[in-house]
Structure formats: structure tokens, C-alpha cells
Amino acid sequence: MDYEYAPLRLPSNVDRLTAAAQLAIQAEFSGWELARVRLYRDGTRQVVLRRRVVHQPQPGLSY
């Protein structure tokens, strides 16, 4: 399976609950899933999200 990745950097002033809420919104509406989280000494988090690459075209919007 092919995946596309989106690296994010969360600053130290973002607490764990807020970070979890932001990532849950991305997962629900954009199809991302959590691939990796690294917590650094200064309190920042490096998050890597992934989702499957869809090789078939998506249907267009109609009015």
C-alpha cells in the first residue's frame, strides 16, 4: 500500500489534550491516521500523520 505523509511540529505551549483534539479532527475529516509522535526535551512534539493514496479520481462536485 502507498501512503502519503504529513509531518507536523506542535509547539511546547500546546498541551496533550489540545493536540489530541486537533489530530482527531484531522483524522475524522481528512482521513489521516497517526504514524509517529516524538516528544522533545523542550516540550515540542513532532507528529507524522499518514493516509492511503487513492489512485482513482474522486468524483467532482455538482451544483
N, C-alpha and C. Protein backbone atom coordinates (compact mmCIF):
# COMPACT_ATOMS: atom_id res chain seq x y z
N MET A 1 0.83 -1.18 0.00
CA MET A 1 0.00 0.00 0.00
C MET A 1 0.87 1.24 0.00
N ASP A 2 0.42 2.25 -0.70
CA ASP A 2 1.13 3.52 -0.75
C ASP A 2 0.48 4.50 0.21
N TYR A 3 1.32 5.21 0.94
CA TYR A 3 0.87 6.21 1.88
C TYR A 3 1.48 7.55 1.54
N GLU A 4 0.76 8.61 1.87
CA GLU A 4 1.33 9.95 1.84
C GLU A 4 1.47 10.39 3.29
N TYR A 5 2.50 11.17 3.57
CA TYR A 5 2.82 11.56 4.94
C TYR A 5 2.77 13.07 5.10
N ALA A 6 2.37 13.50 6.29
CA ALA A 6 2.32 14.92 6.62
C ALA A 6 3.00 15.13 7.96
N PRO A 7 4.21 15.68 7.95
CA PRO A 7 4.89 15.96 9.22
C PRO A 7 4.36 17.26 9.83
N LEU A 8 4.14 17.26 11.13
CA LEU A 8 3.69 18.44 11.86
C LEU A 8 4.63 18.67 13.03
N ARG A 9 4.75 19.91 13.42
CA ARG A 9 5.54 20.27 14.61
C ARG A 9 4.62 21.06 15.53
N LEU A 10 4.36 20.52 16.72
CA LEU A 10 3.50 21.19 17.68
C LEU A 10 4.37 21.87 18.73
N PRO A 11 4.15 23.17 18.98
CA PRO A 11 4.99 23.88 19.94
C PRO A 11 4.75 23.41 21.37
N SER A 12 5.62 23.80 22.26
CA SER A 12 5.56 23.34 23.64
C SER A 12 4.36 23.89 24.41
N ASN A 13 3.77 24.99 23.95
CA ASN A 13 2.63 25.57 24.67
C ASN A 13 1.31 24.86 24.34
N VAL A 14 1.32 23.88 23.43
CA VAL A 14 0.13 23.09 23.12
C VAL A 14 0.13 21.88 24.05
N ASP A 15 -0.91 21.80 24.90
CA ASP A 15 -0.96 20.68 25.83
C ASP A 15 -1.43 19.41 25.13
N ARG A 16 -1.34 18.31 25.84
CA ARG A 16 -1.63 17.00 25.26
C ARG A 16 -3.09 16.87 24.82
N LEU A 17 -4.02 17.39 25.60
CA LEU A 17 -5.44 17.32 25.28
C LEU A 17 -5.77 18.10 24.02
N THR A 18 -5.22 19.30 23.88
CA THR A 18 -5.44 20.11 22.69
C THR A 18 -4.84 19.45 21.46
N ALA A 19 -3.64 18.90 21.59
CA ALA A 19 -3.00 18.21 20.47
C ALA A 19 -3.84 17.02 20.03
N ALA A 20 -4.37 16.25 20.99
CA ALA A 20 -5.20 15.09 20.66
C ALA A 20 -6.47 15.52 19.95
N ALA A 21 -7.07 16.62 20.37
CA ALA A 21 -8.29 17.11 19.72
C ALA A 21 -8.01 17.56 18.29
N GLN A 22 -6.91 18.26 18.07
CA GLN A 22 -6.55 18.71 16.72
C GLN A 22 -6.30 17.52 15.79
N LEU A 23 -5.60 16.52 16.30
CA LEU A 23 -5.30 15.34 15.49
C LEU A 23 -6.56 14.51 15.22
N ALA A 24 -7.48 14.47 16.16
CA ALA A 24 -8.75 13.75 15.95
C ALA A 24 -9.58 14.41 14.86
N ILE A 25 -9.58 15.73 14.82
CA ILE A 25 -10.31 16.45 13.77
C ILE A 25 -9.70 16.15 12.41
N GLN A 26 -8.38 16.17 12.31
CA GLN A 26 -7.73 15.84 11.04
C GLN A 26 -8.04 14.41 10.62
N ALA A 27 -8.08 13.50 11.57
CA ALA A 27 -8.36 12.10 11.26
C ALA A 27 -9.78 11.93 10.76
N GLU A 28 -10.73 12.59 11.40
CA GLU A 28 -12.13 12.41 11.04
C GLU A 28 -12.48 13.02 9.70
N PHE A 29 -11.99 14.22 9.42
CA PHE A 29 -12.42 14.93 8.23
C PHE A 29 -11.49 14.78 7.03
N SER A 30 -10.25 14.41 7.24
CA SER A 30 -9.30 14.33 6.14
C SER A 30 -8.73 12.93 5.93
N GLY A 31 -9.08 11.99 6.78
CA GLY A 31 -8.64 10.61 6.59
C GLY A 31 -7.24 10.31 7.07
N TRP A 32 -6.64 11.19 7.88
CA TRP A 32 -5.29 10.96 8.36
C TRP A 32 -5.30 10.03 9.56
N GLU A 33 -4.23 9.29 9.75
CA GLU A 33 -4.04 8.48 10.94
C GLU A 33 -2.65 8.77 11.50
N LEU A 34 -2.49 8.52 12.78
CA LEU A 34 -1.24 8.83 13.45
C LEU A 34 -0.20 7.76 13.13
N ALA A 35 0.95 8.19 12.63
CA ALA A 35 2.02 7.25 12.30
C ALA A 35 3.12 7.27 13.37
N ARG A 36 3.44 8.46 13.88
CA ARG A 36 4.55 8.57 14.84
C ARG A 36 4.45 9.87 15.61
N VAL A 37 4.85 9.83 16.88
CA VAL A 37 4.95 11.03 17.72
C VAL A 37 6.28 10.99 18.44
N ARG A 38 6.99 12.11 18.39
CA ARG A 38 8.23 12.25 19.16
C ARG A 38 8.09 13.46 20.06
N LEU A 39 8.39 13.27 21.32
CA LEU A 39 8.37 14.36 22.29
C LEU A 39 9.82 14.75 22.59
N TYR A 40 10.14 16.03 22.41
CA TYR A 40 11.49 16.52 22.62
C TYR A 40 11.63 17.14 24.01
N ARG A 41 12.86 17.32 24.44
CA ARG A 41 13.14 17.86 25.77
C ARG A 41 12.56 19.25 25.98
N ASP A 42 12.50 20.05 24.94
CA ASP A 42 11.98 21.41 25.08
C ASP A 42 10.45 21.44 25.09
N GLY A 43 9.79 20.28 24.99
CA GLY A 43 8.34 20.21 25.06
C GLY A 43 7.64 20.19 23.72
N THR A 44 8.38 20.38 22.63
CA THR A 44 7.74 20.33 21.31
C THR A 44 7.51 18.87 20.92
N ARG A 45 6.51 18.69 20.06
CA ARG A 45 6.20 17.35 19.56
C ARG A 45 6.33 17.34 18.05
N GLN A 46 6.94 16.31 17.52
CA GLN A 46 6.97 16.09 16.08
C GLN A 46 6.01 14.96 15.80
N VAL A 47 4.99 15.25 15.03
CA VAL A 47 3.93 14.29 14.72
C VAL A 47 3.99 13.99 13.23
N VAL A 48 3.85 12.73 12.88
CA VAL A 48 3.78 12.33 11.48
C VAL A 48 2.43 11.64 11.27
N LEU A 49 1.64 12.21 10.36
CA LEU A 49 0.35 11.64 10.00
C LEU A 49 0.49 10.94 8.66
N ARG A 50 -0.34 9.93 8.43
CA ARG A 50 -0.31 9.25 7.13
C ARG A 50 -1.73 8.90 6.70
N ARG A 51 -1.90 8.77 5.41
CA ARG A 51 -3.16 8.29 4.84
C ARG A 51 -2.86 7.58 3.53
N ARG A 52 -3.75 6.68 3.18
CA ARG A 52 -3.56 5.92 1.94
C ARG A 52 -3.73 6.82 0.73
N VAL A 53 -2.92 6.58 -0.27
CA VAL A 53 -3.02 7.31 -1.53
C VAL A 53 -4.10 6.65 -2.37
N VAL A 54 -5.05 7.43 -2.82
CA VAL A 54 -6.13 6.92 -3.66
C VAL A 54 -5.74 7.18 -5.11
N HIS A 55 -5.63 6.09 -5.87
CA HIS A 55 -5.18 6.22 -7.26
C HIS A 55 -6.33 6.44 -8.24
N GLN A 56 -7.56 6.31 -7.77
CA GLN A 56 -8.68 6.56 -8.66
C GLN A 56 -9.19 7.98 -8.46
N PRO A 57 -9.63 8.62 -9.51
CA PRO A 57 -10.08 10.01 -9.38
C PRO A 57 -11.34 10.11 -8.51
N GLN A 58 -11.37 11.19 -7.74
CA GLN A 58 -12.52 11.47 -6.90
C GLN A 58 -13.63 12.11 -7.73
N PRO A 59 -14.88 11.82 -7.43
CA PRO A 59 -15.97 12.47 -8.17
C PRO A 59 -15.97 13.97 -7.92
N GLY A 60 -16.30 14.72 -8.94
CA GLY A 60 -16.34 16.18 -8.83
C GLY A 60 -17.62 16.64 -8.16
N LEU A 61 -17.60 17.91 -7.77
CA LEU A 61 -18.79 18.48 -7.16
C LEU A 61 -19.74 18.95 -8.26
N SER A 62 -21.01 18.81 -7.99
CA SER A 62 -22.00 19.32 -8.94
C SER A 62 -22.91 20.31 -8.22
N TYR A 63 -23.40 21.27 -8.94
CA TYR A 63 -24.25 22.30 -8.34
C TYR A 63 -25.69 22.07 -8.71
